Amino acid sequence: MWEFLESIAGQIGLATLVDIGLTAVVIYWVFSLIRGTRAVRLVIGVSVILVIYAVAQATGLRLFTQLLQAGAVVGLFALVVVFQPELRRGLERLGRVGSFAWLLSPSDQRAAERVAGAVARAATRLAAARSGALVVIERETGLEEIAETGVMIHGDLTADLLEALFAPRAALHDGAVIVRGETIVAAGALLPLAETTLQAERYGTRHRAALGITEQTDAVVVVVSEETGQASLVERARIRRNLDEAQLNRALTALLRPERRGDAIRDRLGRPRATAAELRRAALGDLGRAARESGADESRDDAPGAAAGAGG
């Protein structure tokens, strides 16, 4: 027994451990990429077919095995088409690897807090007035193509300007506002509708547009429903509803704050500084509790023309 274990241990080298580690990381990354989308059910379906193929091959069902093998050739191309949104999202995320946002100065963190405060304040006021709104905050993925579908503004981001843009009779009320840094880049922009989110059909057009842009990019979107008077936050195709100003401000600050990897500086109380990932988890945890408390009001929450900015 010991000789067998020693022989196995002798065959395990550094390259083997690296190989296993990389494989585990890739599998985890794939599952995190498709989590919350219709691709989960498709993966389950493909897994069932693979199990049936293995059983057919083990039991000697040669005709059925050949049929499955012939179908696999066509299925390979079909999977590329079916999983096209997930593949696009995965390649886009790979392009963000190696970000140096954590090297940014503290002034950039204060800018993120100012952006979060202005957007949260405007969204809360608009929700109280039941004025619909759709604010897209750019992060690492550029949104210039989306911005060009609207009216270029390049104005300073303030809560008053956001409220004016989404006033009920405003010309740009129906589109989305694109925010880059502390600047409102464009208003009245067109957004793609959700493609893969399972619950997309349960939401109004404005919310579907928010889900759609966050499926394809790393943008953060704040949506205000004119039907329910609720402010919602959408990030990575996940939506949290019925947020007050404090919750929205805290969540946006956590999501927009630059990464501070490897930060060993302790704050004045002598405790470790919270990382951006920890702040994000804490903020979204609060949002999840708020969403559960808000109930299951998932009716069509936008007027038919309210999201003309949701093209597609």
Foldseek 3Di string as FASTA:
>chain_A
DVVVVVVVVVVDDPVNVVVVVVVVVVVVVLCVLCPQWPVVVVVVVVVVLVVVLVVCVVVVVVVVNVVSVVVVVVVVVVCCVVCVLSVLQVVQVVVCPPDPLLVDDVVLLVLLLVLLLFVLVLLLVCLVVLFKAKEKEDADDDDVVQQVQFAFDFAFRGSVVRNVQCPPPHPQNQAHFYHYRRTGGGTNTAAAFADIRPCSVLEALSVRRQLRVQSNHQIKMWIAFSQNSKIWIAGNSDIFIRDHSVLSSQLSSLSRRGFNPPDQDADPVRHGDDTSVRSNVVSVVVSVVNRVVVDDPSHHRHDPRNHPSHDD
